[in-house]
């Protein structure tokens, strides 16, 4: 399940960056969307293959996404930045829970 979420977040990140680029010609939005998408795709691959640090990368990527989009999301209250921030928050919560379960055997 966790790898499916990571792959979904990868696709939505790329889509969000592309929408940001198309709507406002913002090259940084495109670069950030593709970068976060790549990080989430690597997360999905690591989780699917039971490799080390997959869940940790998911937490880190989600927290980084929240930090990168949070100020703009709450300043502009526009749909795409708010959606990206929410996506990061949901990812951080989910992967954080998985990390907790992994660490403490719950």
N, C-alpha and C. Protein backbone atom coordinates (compact mmCIF):
# COMPACT_ATOMS: atom_id res chain seq x y z
N UNK A 1 0.82 -1.20 0.00
CA UNK A 1 0.00 0.00 0.00
C UNK A 1 0.86 1.26 0.00
N UNK A 2 1.93 1.27 0.79
CA UNK A 2 2.75 2.47 0.90
C UNK A 2 3.40 2.83 -0.43
N UNK A 3 3.78 1.81 -1.21
CA UNK A 3 4.40 2.12 -2.50
C UNK A 3 3.38 2.71 -3.47
N UNK A 4 2.11 2.29 -3.35
CA UNK A 4 1.07 2.88 -4.20
C UNK A 4 0.87 4.35 -3.86
N UNK A 5 0.86 4.67 -2.57
CA UNK A 5 0.72 6.07 -2.17
C UNK A 5 1.89 6.90 -2.68
N UNK A 6 3.11 6.37 -2.54
CA UNK A 6 4.29 7.11 -3.00
C UNK A 6 4.22 7.35 -4.50
N UNK A 7 3.79 6.36 -5.25
CA UNK A 7 3.70 6.54 -6.71
C UNK A 7 2.58 7.51 -7.08
N UNK A 8 1.49 7.49 -6.34
CA UNK A 8 0.42 8.46 -6.57
C UNK A 8 0.90 9.87 -6.27
N UNK A 9 1.62 10.03 -5.15
CA UNK A 9 2.15 11.34 -4.81
C UNK A 9 3.17 11.81 -5.85
N UNK A 10 3.92 10.87 -6.42
CA UNK A 10 4.87 11.23 -7.48
C UNK A 10 4.12 11.80 -8.69
N UNK A 11 3.08 11.13 -9.10
CA UNK A 11 2.31 11.59 -10.26
C UNK A 11 1.64 12.93 -9.99
N UNK A 12 1.06 13.08 -8.81
CA UNK A 12 0.38 14.34 -8.48
C UNK A 12 1.38 15.48 -8.36
N UNK A 13 2.59 15.20 -7.86
CA UNK A 13 3.62 16.24 -7.77
C UNK A 13 4.00 16.75 -9.15
N UNK A 14 4.23 15.83 -10.06
CA UNK A 14 4.58 16.23 -11.42
C UNK A 14 3.42 16.99 -12.06
N UNK A 15 2.20 16.52 -11.84
CA UNK A 15 1.03 17.20 -12.37
C UNK A 15 0.90 18.61 -11.79
N UNK A 16 1.10 18.74 -10.47
CA UNK A 16 1.01 20.06 -9.83
C UNK A 16 2.07 21.02 -10.35
N UNK A 17 3.29 20.54 -10.53
CA UNK A 17 4.34 21.39 -11.09
C UNK A 17 4.05 21.80 -12.52
N UNK A 18 3.48 20.87 -13.29
CA UNK A 18 3.13 21.17 -14.67
C UNK A 18 2.01 22.20 -14.74
N UNK A 19 1.01 22.04 -13.89
CA UNK A 19 -0.09 23.01 -13.85
C UNK A 19 0.43 24.39 -13.46
N UNK A 20 1.33 24.44 -12.48
CA UNK A 20 1.93 25.72 -12.08
C UNK A 20 2.70 26.36 -13.22
N UNK A 21 3.38 25.54 -14.01
CA UNK A 21 4.12 26.07 -15.15
C UNK A 21 3.19 26.58 -16.24
N UNK A 22 2.17 25.80 -16.56
CA UNK A 22 1.25 26.18 -17.64
C UNK A 22 0.46 27.43 -17.27
N UNK A 23 0.00 27.51 -16.02
CA UNK A 23 -0.83 28.65 -15.62
C UNK A 23 -0.04 29.95 -15.49
N UNK A 24 1.17 29.88 -14.94
CA UNK A 24 1.89 31.13 -14.67
C UNK A 24 3.28 31.17 -15.30
N UNK A 25 3.59 30.22 -16.18
CA UNK A 25 4.90 30.15 -16.83
C UNK A 25 6.03 30.13 -15.81
N UNK A 26 5.80 29.44 -14.70
CA UNK A 26 6.78 29.38 -13.61
C UNK A 26 7.66 28.14 -13.79
N UNK A 27 8.87 28.37 -14.28
CA UNK A 27 9.82 27.27 -14.44
C UNK A 27 10.19 26.64 -13.08
N UNK A 28 10.33 27.43 -12.00
CA UNK A 28 10.60 26.80 -10.70
C UNK A 28 9.51 25.82 -10.26
N UNK A 29 8.26 26.11 -10.60
CA UNK A 29 7.18 25.18 -10.27
C UNK A 29 7.36 23.85 -10.99
N UNK A 30 7.73 23.91 -12.25
CA UNK A 30 7.94 22.70 -13.03
C UNK A 30 9.12 21.90 -12.48
N UNK A 31 10.22 22.59 -12.19
CA UNK A 31 11.41 21.91 -11.67
C UNK A 31 11.11 21.28 -10.31
N UNK A 32 10.42 22.02 -9.45
CA UNK A 32 10.09 21.49 -8.13
C UNK A 32 9.14 20.30 -8.24
N UNK A 33 8.13 20.40 -9.10
CA UNK A 33 7.19 19.30 -9.28
C UNK A 33 7.86 18.03 -9.76
N UNK A 34 8.75 18.17 -10.74
CA UNK A 34 9.47 17.01 -11.26
C UNK A 34 10.43 16.46 -10.21
N UNK A 35 11.08 17.35 -9.46
CA UNK A 35 12.02 16.90 -8.41
C UNK A 35 11.30 16.13 -7.31
N UNK A 36 10.20 16.70 -6.81
CA UNK A 36 9.44 15.99 -5.77
C UNK A 36 8.84 14.70 -6.32
N UNK A 37 8.41 14.73 -7.56
CA UNK A 37 7.90 13.51 -8.19
C UNK A 37 8.96 12.42 -8.25
N UNK A 38 10.18 12.82 -8.58
CA UNK A 38 11.27 11.84 -8.62
C UNK A 38 11.58 11.28 -7.23
N UNK A 39 11.58 12.15 -6.23
CA UNK A 39 11.82 11.67 -4.86
C UNK A 39 10.74 10.70 -4.40
N UNK A 40 9.49 11.01 -4.70
CA UNK A 40 8.41 10.10 -4.34
C UNK A 40 8.49 8.80 -5.14
N UNK A 41 8.91 8.87 -6.39
CA UNK A 41 9.05 7.65 -7.19
C UNK A 41 10.14 6.75 -6.63
N UNK A 42 11.24 7.35 -6.20
CA UNK A 42 12.32 6.57 -5.56
C UNK A 42 11.81 5.98 -4.26
N UNK A 43 11.02 6.75 -3.51
CA UNK A 43 10.42 6.23 -2.28
C UNK A 43 9.59 4.99 -2.57
N UNK A 44 8.73 5.08 -3.57
CA UNK A 44 7.90 3.94 -3.94
C UNK A 44 8.72 2.73 -4.32
N UNK A 45 9.78 2.95 -5.07
CA UNK A 45 10.65 1.84 -5.48
C UNK A 45 11.32 1.19 -4.28
N UNK A 46 11.85 2.03 -3.37
CA UNK A 46 12.52 1.48 -2.19
C UNK A 46 11.55 0.69 -1.31
N UNK A 47 10.34 1.19 -1.16
CA UNK A 47 9.36 0.48 -0.33
C UNK A 47 8.95 -0.83 -1.01
N UNK A 48 8.72 -0.79 -2.31
CA UNK A 48 8.28 -1.98 -3.03
C UNK A 48 9.33 -3.09 -2.97
N UNK A 49 10.61 -2.73 -3.01
CA UNK A 49 11.69 -3.72 -2.99
C UNK A 49 12.19 -4.01 -1.58
N UNK A 50 11.53 -3.49 -0.57
CA UNK A 50 11.91 -3.67 0.84
C UNK A 50 13.35 -3.23 1.11
N UNK A 51 13.79 -2.20 0.41
CA UNK A 51 15.13 -1.65 0.63
C UNK A 51 15.11 -0.73 1.85
N UNK A 52 16.29 -0.43 2.33
CA UNK A 52 16.41 0.46 3.49
C UNK A 52 16.04 1.90 3.13
N UNK A 53 15.51 2.59 4.11
CA UNK A 53 15.26 4.03 4.07
C UNK A 53 14.16 4.48 3.11
N UNK A 54 13.29 3.61 2.68
CA UNK A 54 12.19 4.01 1.81
C UNK A 54 11.17 4.87 2.55
N UNK A 55 10.75 4.41 3.71
CA UNK A 55 9.76 5.16 4.49
C UNK A 55 10.36 6.46 5.00
N UNK A 56 11.62 6.42 5.40
CA UNK A 56 12.29 7.64 5.87
C UNK A 56 12.37 8.68 4.76
N UNK A 57 12.66 8.24 3.54
CA UNK A 57 12.68 9.17 2.40
C UNK A 57 11.30 9.75 2.15
N UNK A 58 10.26 8.95 2.33
CA UNK A 58 8.89 9.43 2.17
C UNK A 58 8.56 10.51 3.19
N UNK A 59 8.96 10.31 4.44
CA UNK A 59 8.73 11.32 5.48
C UNK A 59 9.49 12.59 5.14
N UNK A 60 10.76 12.44 4.80
CA UNK A 60 11.58 13.60 4.50
C UNK A 60 11.08 14.39 3.30
N UNK A 61 10.69 13.69 2.26
CA UNK A 61 10.16 14.35 1.06
C UNK A 61 8.87 15.09 1.38
N UNK A 62 8.01 14.47 2.17
CA UNK A 62 6.73 15.10 2.52
C UNK A 62 6.93 16.34 3.37
N UNK A 63 7.83 16.26 4.34
CA UNK A 63 8.11 17.43 5.19
C UNK A 63 8.74 18.55 4.37
N UNK A 64 9.64 18.18 3.46
CA UNK A 64 10.26 19.18 2.59
C UNK A 64 9.23 19.83 1.68
N UNK A 65 8.29 19.04 1.17
CA UNK A 65 7.22 19.58 0.33
C UNK A 65 6.36 20.57 1.11
N UNK A 66 6.04 20.21 2.35
CA UNK A 66 5.25 21.12 3.19
C UNK A 66 6.01 22.43 3.42
N UNK A 67 7.29 22.32 3.71
CA UNK A 67 8.09 23.52 3.95
C UNK A 67 8.24 24.39 2.71
N UNK A 68 8.32 23.76 1.56
CA UNK A 68 8.50 24.51 0.32
C UNK A 68 7.21 25.18 -0.14
N UNK A 69 6.08 24.54 0.08
CA UNK A 69 4.83 25.09 -0.43
C UNK A 69 4.01 25.83 0.61
N UNK A 70 4.30 25.60 1.89
CA UNK A 70 3.50 26.20 2.96
C UNK A 70 3.40 27.71 2.92
N UNK A 71 4.54 28.42 2.89
CA UNK A 71 4.45 29.89 2.89
C UNK A 71 3.64 30.45 1.72
N UNK A 72 3.86 29.91 0.54
CA UNK A 72 3.12 30.40 -0.63
C UNK A 72 1.65 30.00 -0.57
N UNK A 73 1.39 28.80 -0.06
CA UNK A 73 0.01 28.33 0.02
C UNK A 73 -0.82 29.24 0.91
N UNK A 74 -0.27 29.60 2.07
CA UNK A 74 -1.05 30.41 3.01
C UNK A 74 -1.02 31.90 2.69
N UNK A 75 -0.02 32.31 1.90
CA UNK A 75 0.04 33.72 1.49
C UNK A 75 -0.97 33.99 0.36
N UNK A 76 -1.01 33.09 -0.63
CA UNK A 76 -1.86 33.33 -1.80
C UNK A 76 -3.23 32.67 -1.70
N UNK A 77 -3.33 31.60 -0.89
CA UNK A 77 -4.56 30.81 -0.76
C UNK A 77 -5.06 30.29 -2.12
N UNK A 78 -4.11 30.01 -3.02
CA UNK A 78 -4.48 29.46 -4.33
C UNK A 78 -4.56 27.95 -4.25
N UNK A 79 -5.32 27.40 -5.16
CA UNK A 79 -5.66 25.98 -5.13
C UNK A 79 -4.45 25.05 -5.25
N UNK A 80 -3.56 25.30 -6.21
CA UNK A 80 -2.45 24.38 -6.43
C UNK A 80 -1.47 24.39 -5.25
N UNK A 81 -0.99 25.55 -4.77
CA UNK A 81 -0.09 25.50 -3.61
C UNK A 81 -0.75 24.89 -2.37
N UNK A 82 -2.03 25.19 -2.14
CA UNK A 82 -2.72 24.59 -1.00
C UNK A 82 -2.84 23.08 -1.17
N UNK A 83 -3.12 22.64 -2.38
CA UNK A 83 -3.21 21.21 -2.64
C UNK A 83 -1.87 20.50 -2.45
N UNK A 84 -0.80 21.13 -2.89
CA UNK A 84 0.52 20.54 -2.72
C UNK A 84 0.91 20.49 -1.24
N UNK A 85 0.58 21.54 -0.48
CA UNK A 85 0.85 21.54 0.95
C UNK A 85 0.05 20.43 1.64
N UNK A 86 -1.21 20.31 1.29
CA UNK A 86 -2.06 19.26 1.88
C UNK A 86 -1.54 17.88 1.53
N UNK A 87 -1.10 17.71 0.31
CA UNK A 87 -0.54 16.44 -0.12
C UNK A 87 0.72 16.10 0.70
N UNK A 88 1.56 17.10 0.94
CA UNK A 88 2.74 16.87 1.77
C UNK A 88 2.37 16.51 3.19
N UNK A 89 1.35 17.18 3.73
CA UNK A 89 0.91 16.90 5.10
C UNK A 89 0.35 15.48 5.21
N UNK A 90 -0.44 15.07 4.24
CA UNK A 90 -0.99 13.71 4.26
C UNK A 90 0.12 12.67 4.11
N UNK A 91 1.07 12.95 3.23
CA UNK A 91 2.20 12.04 3.06
C UNK A 91 3.04 11.95 4.32
N UNK A 92 3.29 13.08 4.97
CA UNK A 92 4.07 13.08 6.21
C UNK A 92 3.36 12.29 7.30
N UNK A 93 2.05 12.46 7.38
CA UNK A 93 1.29 11.71 8.37
C UNK A 93 1.32 10.21 8.12
N UNK A 94 1.10 9.83 6.87
CA UNK A 94 1.06 8.41 6.53
C UNK A 94 2.44 7.75 6.69
N UNK A 95 3.45 8.37 6.07
CA UNK A 95 4.78 7.77 6.16
C UNK A 95 5.34 7.86 7.58
N UNK A 96 4.95 8.91 8.32
CA UNK A 96 5.34 9.01 9.73
C UNK A 96 4.76 7.87 10.54
N UNK A 97 3.51 7.54 10.28
CA UNK A 97 2.87 6.41 10.97
C UNK A 97 3.57 5.11 10.61
N UNK A 98 3.90 4.93 9.33
CA UNK A 98 4.60 3.73 8.90
C UNK A 98 5.98 3.63 9.54
N UNK A 99 6.65 4.76 9.67
CA UNK A 99 7.97 4.77 10.31
C UNK A 99 7.85 4.39 11.78
N UNK A 100 6.85 4.92 12.45
CA UNK A 100 6.61 4.58 13.85
C UNK A 100 6.34 3.08 13.99
N UNK A 101 5.50 2.53 13.12
CA UNK A 101 5.21 1.11 13.17
C UNK A 101 6.44 0.27 12.90
N UNK A 102 7.27 0.73 11.99
CA UNK A 102 8.48 0.02 11.63
C UNK A 102 9.48 0.04 12.79
N UNK A 103 9.58 1.17 13.46
CA UNK A 103 10.55 1.31 14.55
C UNK A 103 10.14 0.55 15.81
N UNK A 104 8.85 0.55 16.11
CA UNK A 104 8.38 -0.01 17.37
C UNK A 104 7.60 -1.31 17.21
N UNK A 105 7.54 -1.84 16.00
CA UNK A 105 6.92 -3.12 15.76
C UNK A 105 5.45 -3.18 16.08
N UNK A 106 4.76 -2.09 15.87
CA UNK A 106 3.32 -2.03 16.17
C UNK A 106 2.55 -2.62 15.02
